[in-house]
Amino acid sequence: MKKVMLVFVIAIFAFSGLTYAQEGSVSSETPEIKAKIESLVSNVEAEKKPLKLNDAINDLIDYHPYYVSASQGTRSDVTVRLIKVYNSLDDSLTNTANKTQIIDFLGTSNVPEAHKFFVSVLENGKELYRTEALRGIYFGLIPGDDIYDEVKSLVARGVIKEEDSLSALYGANRQRALPEIQKFLATTKNPKKFVGIGHLLSAYRDPKLLDVLFQRYDYFKSLPASAWPRGYAPQFCVSMEMLKKYIENEEGVKYKNAVEVFEDRGIFGDEDLPMLQKKLESSNIVTRKTSLDFLTHQLKIGYVTKSKVLSVLKDAETRETNKDLKLKLRSAIERFAPPAGAKK
C-alpha cells in the first residue's frame, strides 16, 4: 500500500515551501495530465473488489505529483467522484485502508468540495477516519476557517481533546492557532504533549515565540524519570535549529534558561564554539557567566577540542572587566591548560 509514500510526498510539498495547485492559482494542467487523471479515477470507480480497488487507488497516488498541478475544475471533479467511492465503502479491513487513503488524497485538493468532505468526516466520521482527517489537516494543504472552526467545535463538545486538536488548528490557520498553542504549553502538565506541541511551536521558525518553552522547562525537568515516555525527555521540547537561534538572539536570564536546555541535549562540538564565543563578548554579565559555566562544563566532559576552547577563554579574560568573572576565567584556564612543556 502507498499510504506512506503519499504522506512522504505531502510532507515534501508542505515543508519545502512549495505550494499545491489551489483555488486561484495558475494551473499547469495539460491535456495529457487531464486524460491520465480521468483514466485513473475511472479505474477507481470501476473496481468493486477491495484489493483491486486498493491497487487502483495506489495507481492514482503514484500520479499524485501531477494531480496537484491540475486545474481547480479537474480537482473538484475528482473530489466529488472520490467522495462517492468513499461513501460506498464498508469498514472491512481493506476498505478501511482504502477510505483512509482517499482522505489523505483529498486532503491535497483544497477545493470547496474537499473542505465540505473534511468537515463531514470530522463531524460524522468514525474515530479512525476523524483522526486521519485531523492528521491530514496538519500538513496545511486544506487550510481555512471552516476547517479551523469545525475542529474547535469538536473540542468544545468534548469529541476530541484540546491537546489532540492543536496540530490540525496549526494546519488550518497558523496565526489563529498560535496563541492557543502558546497557552497550552504554558499550562499543560503532560510531558509527552509538552515535547510534541513544543515542536509544533518550533515549526513557526520564529525564536521570539519560544519563551514559554524555556519558562516551563524547570517544571518538567523536575518530574521523576518515570513520568517521561521514552523519547520524550524535556530537553527535546524544541528543535535544535530553533534552540540555537534562540540562544543567538537572547541575553541574560532568557539566554541562561535556553543554555540549560542546550546543555541537557548533550550535543555540542567545535562547530558551535563561535556561538558561545560571541556570547562571551556580550555586555550582559549573566550571559557571559552562563557562557563561561557552559564552556567549563564542556571542557570537563571532553566533547570539544580543549585548545580551541582555552583560546576562546583566554581572549575573554583579556576583555573581561568584572573582577569576579575575570578570576573565574583565569581559574578555568589554569585548571584545564596543559602543564608547561606538555604536548597540546
Protein backbone atom coordinates (compact mmCIF):
# COMPACT_ATOMS: atom_id res chain seq x y z
CA MET A 1 0.00 0.00 0.00
CA LYS A 2 1.18 3.50 -0.86
CA LYS A 3 -0.11 5.42 2.14
CA VAL A 4 3.39 6.02 3.49
CA MET A 5 4.53 7.24 0.08
CA LEU A 6 1.65 9.70 -0.21
CA VAL A 7 2.35 11.09 3.26
CA PHE A 8 6.02 11.48 2.28
CA VAL A 9 5.10 13.38 -0.90
CA ILE A 10 2.71 15.59 1.05
CA ALA A 11 5.39 16.35 3.63
CA ILE A 12 7.91 17.35 0.96
CA PHE A 13 5.49 19.83 -0.60
CA ALA A 14 4.26 21.15 2.73
CA PHE A 15 7.61 21.75 4.40
CA SER A 16 9.81 22.69 1.47
CA GLY A 17 7.82 25.90 0.93
CA LEU A 18 6.30 24.63 -2.29
CA THR A 19 2.58 25.02 -2.80
CA TYR A 20 -0.04 22.79 -4.26
CA ALA A 21 -2.35 23.94 -7.02
CA GLN A 22 -5.06 25.78 -5.17
CA GLU A 23 -8.08 27.90 -5.93
CA GLY A 24 -6.99 30.98 -7.82
CA SER A 25 -3.54 29.63 -8.66
CA VAL A 26 -2.17 29.13 -12.16
CA SER A 27 -2.71 25.57 -13.34
CA SER A 28 -0.06 23.69 -15.31
CA GLU A 29 -2.55 21.06 -16.37
CA THR A 30 -2.03 19.67 -19.86
CA PRO A 31 -4.47 17.60 -21.93
CA GLU A 32 -2.27 14.59 -21.23
CA ILE A 33 -2.43 15.14 -17.46
CA LYS A 34 -6.19 15.63 -17.57
CA ALA A 35 -6.66 12.46 -19.66
CA LYS A 36 -4.44 10.42 -17.36
CA ILE A 37 -6.28 11.60 -14.26
CA GLU A 38 -9.59 10.75 -15.88
CA SER A 39 -8.35 7.24 -16.68
CA LEU A 40 -7.06 6.65 -13.16
CA VAL A 41 -10.18 7.93 -11.44
CA SER A 42 -12.39 5.88 -13.76
CA ASN A 43 -10.44 2.79 -12.74
CA VAL A 44 -11.06 3.60 -9.08
CA GLU A 45 -14.79 3.98 -9.75
CA ALA A 46 -14.95 0.72 -11.68
CA GLU A 47 -13.30 -1.53 -9.09
CA LYS A 48 -15.64 -3.26 -6.66
CA LYS A 49 -13.30 -5.75 -5.01
CA PRO A 50 -11.43 -4.16 -2.07
CA LEU A 51 -7.95 -5.40 -3.03
CA LYS A 52 -8.38 -4.41 -6.69
CA LEU A 53 -9.70 -1.04 -5.52
CA ASN A 54 -6.64 -0.65 -3.35
CA ASP A 55 -4.43 -1.20 -6.39
CA ALA A 56 -6.41 1.39 -8.37
CA ILE A 57 -6.12 3.95 -5.56
CA ASN A 58 -2.39 3.27 -5.38
CA ASP A 59 -2.07 3.95 -9.09
CA LEU A 60 -3.79 7.29 -8.55
CA ILE A 61 -1.46 8.02 -5.63
CA ASP A 62 1.53 7.31 -7.86
CA TYR A 63 0.28 10.07 -10.15
CA HIS A 64 -0.20 12.48 -7.27
CA PRO A 65 2.65 14.91 -8.18
CA TYR A 66 0.85 15.58 -11.47
CA TYR A 67 -2.59 15.73 -9.86
CA VAL A 68 -1.64 18.71 -7.72
CA SER A 69 -0.86 20.71 -10.86
CA ALA A 70 -4.35 20.09 -12.25
CA SER A 71 -6.91 22.85 -12.63
CA GLN A 72 -9.45 23.61 -9.92
CA GLY A 73 -12.17 22.20 -12.15
CA THR A 74 -10.38 18.89 -12.54
CA ARG A 75 -9.65 18.65 -8.82
CA SER A 76 -13.27 19.46 -7.98
CA ASP A 77 -14.48 16.75 -10.35
CA VAL A 78 -12.05 14.19 -8.90
CA THR A 79 -13.04 15.16 -5.36
CA VAL A 80 -16.76 14.67 -5.99
CA ARG A 81 -16.17 11.30 -7.62
CA LEU A 82 -13.81 10.02 -4.92
CA ILE A 83 -16.24 11.10 -2.22
CA LYS A 84 -18.87 8.90 -3.86
CA VAL A 85 -16.44 5.99 -3.82
CA TYR A 86 -15.63 6.71 -0.16
CA ASN A 87 -19.32 6.77 0.79
CA SER A 88 -19.93 3.46 -1.00
CA LEU A 89 -17.34 1.53 1.02
CA ASP A 90 -17.92 -0.56 4.12
CA ASP A 91 -15.45 -0.76 7.00
CA SER A 92 -13.87 -4.11 6.26
CA LEU A 93 -10.12 -4.25 6.79
CA THR A 94 -9.00 -3.46 3.23
CA ASN A 95 -11.73 -0.88 2.70
CA THR A 96 -10.71 0.86 5.89
CA ALA A 97 -7.29 1.34 4.31
CA ASN A 98 -8.93 2.47 1.07
CA LYS A 99 -11.01 5.07 2.88
CA THR A 100 -8.06 6.48 4.82
CA GLN A 101 -6.07 6.77 1.59
CA ILE A 102 -8.92 8.65 -0.04
CA ILE A 103 -8.98 11.02 2.93
CA ASP A 104 -5.24 11.61 2.56
CA PHE A 105 -5.53 12.14 -1.19
CA LEU A 106 -8.43 14.58 -0.97
CA GLY A 107 -6.58 16.49 1.74
CA THR A 108 -4.42 17.89 -1.06
CA SER A 109 -7.28 19.02 -3.32
CA ASN A 110 -8.13 22.24 -1.46
CA VAL A 111 -11.36 22.85 -3.36
CA PRO A 112 -14.74 23.67 -1.76
CA GLU A 113 -15.94 20.09 -2.20
CA ALA A 114 -12.91 18.79 -0.31
CA HIS A 115 -13.50 21.27 2.51
CA LYS A 116 -17.10 20.09 2.88
CA PHE A 117 -15.93 16.49 2.86
CA PHE A 118 -13.38 17.09 5.60
CA VAL A 119 -15.90 18.94 7.75
CA SER A 120 -18.29 16.00 7.29
CA VAL A 121 -15.64 13.44 8.24
CA LEU A 122 -14.72 15.48 11.31
CA GLU A 123 -18.36 15.87 12.30
CA ASN A 124 -19.77 12.45 11.48
CA GLY A 125 -16.92 10.06 10.73
CA LYS A 126 -15.74 7.22 12.92
CA GLU A 127 -12.82 7.97 15.20
CA LEU A 128 -10.34 6.29 12.84
CA TYR A 129 -11.34 8.50 9.92
CA ARG A 130 -11.62 11.63 12.04
CA THR A 131 -8.08 11.02 13.29
CA GLU A 132 -6.86 10.57 9.73
CA ALA A 133 -8.55 13.79 8.68
CA LEU A 134 -7.01 15.69 11.58
CA ARG A 135 -3.59 14.37 10.66
CA GLY A 136 -4.06 15.44 7.05
CA ILE A 137 -5.15 18.94 8.05
CA TYR A 138 -1.90 19.37 9.98
CA PHE A 139 0.08 19.49 6.72
CA GLY A 140 -1.67 22.76 5.87
CA LEU A 141 -2.84 21.70 2.43
CA ILE A 142 -6.54 22.22 3.09
CA PRO A 143 -6.45 25.38 5.22
CA GLY A 144 -9.36 27.60 6.10
CA ASP A 145 -11.50 28.99 8.88
CA ASP A 146 -14.25 26.48 8.08
CA ILE A 147 -11.86 23.66 8.98
CA TYR A 148 -10.49 25.56 11.97
CA ASP A 149 -13.94 26.30 13.38
CA GLU A 150 -15.06 22.69 12.98
CA VAL A 151 -12.03 21.43 14.91
CA LYS A 152 -12.70 23.98 17.65
CA SER A 153 -16.32 22.88 17.78
CA LEU A 154 -15.27 19.27 18.29
CA VAL A 155 -13.07 20.34 21.21
CA ALA A 156 -15.87 22.42 22.75
CA ARG A 157 -18.22 19.43 22.59
CA GLY A 158 -15.66 17.06 24.05
CA VAL A 159 -15.40 14.95 20.90
CA ILE A 160 -11.63 15.41 20.80
CA LYS A 161 -9.19 16.69 23.40
CA GLU A 162 -7.65 20.13 23.07
CA GLU A 163 -4.18 18.61 23.09
CA ASP A 164 -5.11 16.46 20.09
CA SER A 165 -6.52 19.40 18.13
CA LEU A 166 -3.57 21.77 18.07
CA SER A 167 -1.71 20.22 15.13
CA ALA A 168 -4.83 20.43 12.98
CA LEU A 169 -5.51 24.01 14.10
CA TYR A 170 -1.95 24.85 13.09
CA GLY A 171 -2.56 23.42 9.63
CA ALA A 172 -5.94 25.10 9.23
CA ASN A 173 -4.82 28.59 10.25
CA ARG A 174 -1.32 29.04 11.67
CA GLN A 175 -1.84 32.55 13.00
CA ARG A 176 -5.14 31.80 14.73
CA ALA A 177 -3.61 28.71 16.29
CA LEU A 178 -0.51 30.42 17.67
CA PRO A 179 -1.96 31.89 20.90
CA GLU A 180 -3.76 28.62 21.61
CA ILE A 181 -0.54 26.64 21.20
CA GLN A 182 1.34 29.03 23.49
CA LYS A 183 -1.46 28.97 26.07
CA PHE A 184 -1.50 25.18 26.08
CA LEU A 185 2.26 25.00 26.60
CA ALA A 186 2.01 27.50 29.45
CA THR A 187 -0.45 25.34 31.37
CA THR A 188 -0.05 21.68 30.39
CA LYS A 189 1.40 19.17 32.84
CA ASN A 190 1.60 16.40 30.25
CA PRO A 191 5.30 15.68 29.50
CA LYS A 192 4.66 13.99 26.15
CA LYS A 193 2.42 16.79 24.91
CA PHE A 194 4.86 19.43 26.15
CA VAL A 195 7.53 17.97 23.88
CA GLY A 196 5.22 17.29 20.93
CA ILE A 197 3.48 20.66 20.95
CA GLY A 198 6.81 22.33 21.65
CA HIS A 199 8.00 21.09 18.28
CA LEU A 200 4.80 22.41 16.75
CA LEU A 201 5.68 25.83 18.14
CA SER A 202 9.20 25.40 16.72
CA ALA A 203 7.64 24.91 13.28
CA TYR A 204 6.77 28.62 13.23
CA ARG A 205 10.53 29.16 12.87
CA ASP A 206 10.48 32.31 14.97
CA PRO A 207 12.69 32.21 18.09
CA LYS A 208 10.76 35.15 19.58
CA LEU A 209 7.77 32.84 20.11
CA LEU A 210 9.60 30.26 22.20
CA ASP A 211 9.80 31.90 25.64
CA VAL A 212 7.09 29.66 27.07
CA LEU A 213 9.15 26.52 26.45
CA PHE A 214 12.09 27.76 28.48
CA GLN A 215 9.87 29.20 31.19
CA ARG A 216 8.27 25.79 31.73
CA TYR A 217 11.43 23.72 31.35
CA ASP A 218 12.43 23.54 35.01
CA TYR A 219 8.97 22.26 35.96
CA PHE A 220 9.15 19.38 33.51
CA LYS A 221 12.81 18.69 34.28
CA SER A 222 11.90 18.31 37.95
CA LEU A 223 9.48 15.45 37.23
CA PRO A 224 10.70 11.93 38.04
CA ALA A 225 12.12 9.93 35.16
CA SER A 226 9.17 7.57 35.39
CA ALA A 227 6.89 10.41 34.25
CA TRP A 228 8.60 10.65 30.88
CA PRO A 229 7.57 8.40 27.99
CA ARG A 230 10.53 7.01 26.10
CA GLY A 231 11.87 9.52 23.60
CA TYR A 232 10.13 12.48 25.23
CA ALA A 233 12.73 13.86 27.63
CA PRO A 234 12.09 17.57 28.35
CA GLN A 235 15.23 18.81 26.60
CA PHE A 236 13.67 17.71 23.30
CA CYS A 237 10.81 20.21 23.60
CA VAL A 238 12.31 22.41 20.88
CA SER A 239 14.02 21.74 17.59
CA MET A 240 17.79 22.08 17.67
CA GLU A 241 17.72 24.66 14.89
CA MET A 242 15.34 26.93 16.79
CA LEU A 243 17.13 26.33 20.09
CA LYS A 244 20.36 27.64 18.60
CA LYS A 245 18.61 30.63 17.02
CA TYR A 246 17.05 31.46 20.38
CA ILE A 247 20.43 31.24 22.08
CA GLU A 248 21.96 33.51 19.44
CA ASN A 249 19.23 36.13 19.89
CA GLU A 250 18.68 36.23 23.64
CA GLU A 251 20.60 37.58 26.62
CA GLY A 252 20.50 37.37 30.39
CA VAL A 253 18.05 35.07 32.12
CA LYS A 254 16.35 34.02 28.89
CA TYR A 255 19.72 33.04 27.48
CA LYS A 256 20.60 31.17 30.66
CA ASN A 257 17.35 29.18 30.55
CA ALA A 258 17.94 28.19 26.94
CA VAL A 259 21.56 27.19 27.57
CA GLU A 260 20.33 24.83 30.28
CA VAL A 261 18.24 23.04 27.65
CA PHE A 262 21.17 23.08 25.23
CA GLU A 263 23.49 21.57 27.82
CA ASP A 264 20.97 18.86 28.68
CA ARG A 265 20.73 17.94 24.99
CA GLY A 266 24.36 16.87 25.24
CA ILE A 267 25.17 17.88 21.67
CA PHE A 268 27.95 20.44 21.47
CA GLY A 269 31.00 20.43 19.25
CA ASP A 270 33.67 22.67 17.84
CA GLU A 271 31.24 23.92 15.17
CA ASP A 272 29.11 25.51 17.92
CA LEU A 273 32.02 27.27 19.62
CA PRO A 274 31.68 30.57 17.68
CA MET A 275 28.15 30.94 19.04
CA LEU A 276 29.43 30.80 22.63
CA GLN A 277 32.47 32.91 21.82
CA LYS A 278 30.20 35.71 20.68
CA LYS A 279 28.20 35.45 23.91
CA LEU A 280 31.37 35.88 25.96
CA GLU A 281 31.61 39.30 24.31
CA SER A 282 28.12 40.31 25.49
CA SER A 283 27.60 43.38 27.65
CA ASN A 284 25.27 41.30 29.85
CA ILE A 285 27.14 39.73 32.75
CA VAL A 286 24.58 36.93 33.19
CA THR A 287 25.15 35.99 29.56
CA ARG A 288 28.93 35.99 29.98
CA LYS A 289 28.84 34.00 33.22
CA THR A 290 26.43 31.45 31.75
CA SER A 291 28.69 31.03 28.73
CA LEU A 292 31.75 30.52 30.90
CA ASP A 293 30.00 27.93 33.07
CA PHE A 294 28.79 26.10 29.96
CA LEU A 295 32.22 26.03 28.32
CA THR A 296 33.88 24.95 31.55
CA HIS A 297 31.49 22.01 31.70
CA GLN A 298 32.27 21.15 28.08
CA LEU A 299 35.97 21.09 28.90
CA LYS A 300 35.22 18.76 31.78
CA ILE A 301 33.28 16.24 29.71
CA GLY A 302 35.68 16.49 26.77
CA TYR A 303 33.41 16.76 23.74
CA VAL A 304 35.24 19.76 22.29
CA THR A 305 38.83 20.47 21.31
CA LYS A 306 40.42 21.71 24.51
CA SER A 307 42.89 24.04 22.83
CA LYS A 308 40.13 25.81 20.89
CA VAL A 309 38.01 26.39 23.99
CA LEU A 310 41.00 27.58 26.01
CA SER A 311 41.86 30.06 23.25
CA VAL A 312 38.32 31.46 23.46
CA LEU A 313 38.52 31.72 27.24
CA LYS A 314 41.90 33.46 27.12
CA ASP A 315 40.54 36.06 24.71
CA ALA A 316 37.55 36.56 27.02
CA GLU A 317 39.82 37.02 30.03
CA THR A 318 41.72 39.85 28.35
CA ARG A 319 38.43 41.67 27.71
CA GLU A 320 36.61 40.93 30.95
CA THR A 321 36.11 43.93 33.24
CA ASN A 322 34.17 42.26 36.04
CA LYS A 323 36.64 41.24 38.73
CA ASP A 324 34.87 38.09 39.89
CA LEU A 325 34.22 36.82 36.39
CA LYS A 326 37.81 37.55 35.35
CA LEU A 327 39.01 35.39 38.25
CA LYS A 328 36.65 32.58 37.19
CA LEU A 329 38.01 32.74 33.67
CA ARG A 330 41.59 32.59 34.89
CA SER A 331 40.78 29.69 37.19
CA ALA A 332 39.15 27.73 34.35
CA ILE A 333 42.11 28.37 32.06
CA GLU A 334 44.63 27.26 34.70
CA ARG A 335 42.58 24.18 35.55
CA PHE A 336 42.39 22.85 32.02
CA ALA A 337 45.54 24.25 30.41
CA PRO A 338 48.20 21.60 29.73
CA PRO A 339 51.24 21.64 32.05
CA ALA A 340 54.23 23.58 30.84
CA GLY A 341 56.19 21.52 28.33
CA ALA A 342 53.34 19.10 27.70
CA LYS A 343 52.12 18.44 24.17
CA LYS A 344 48.96 20.35 23.37
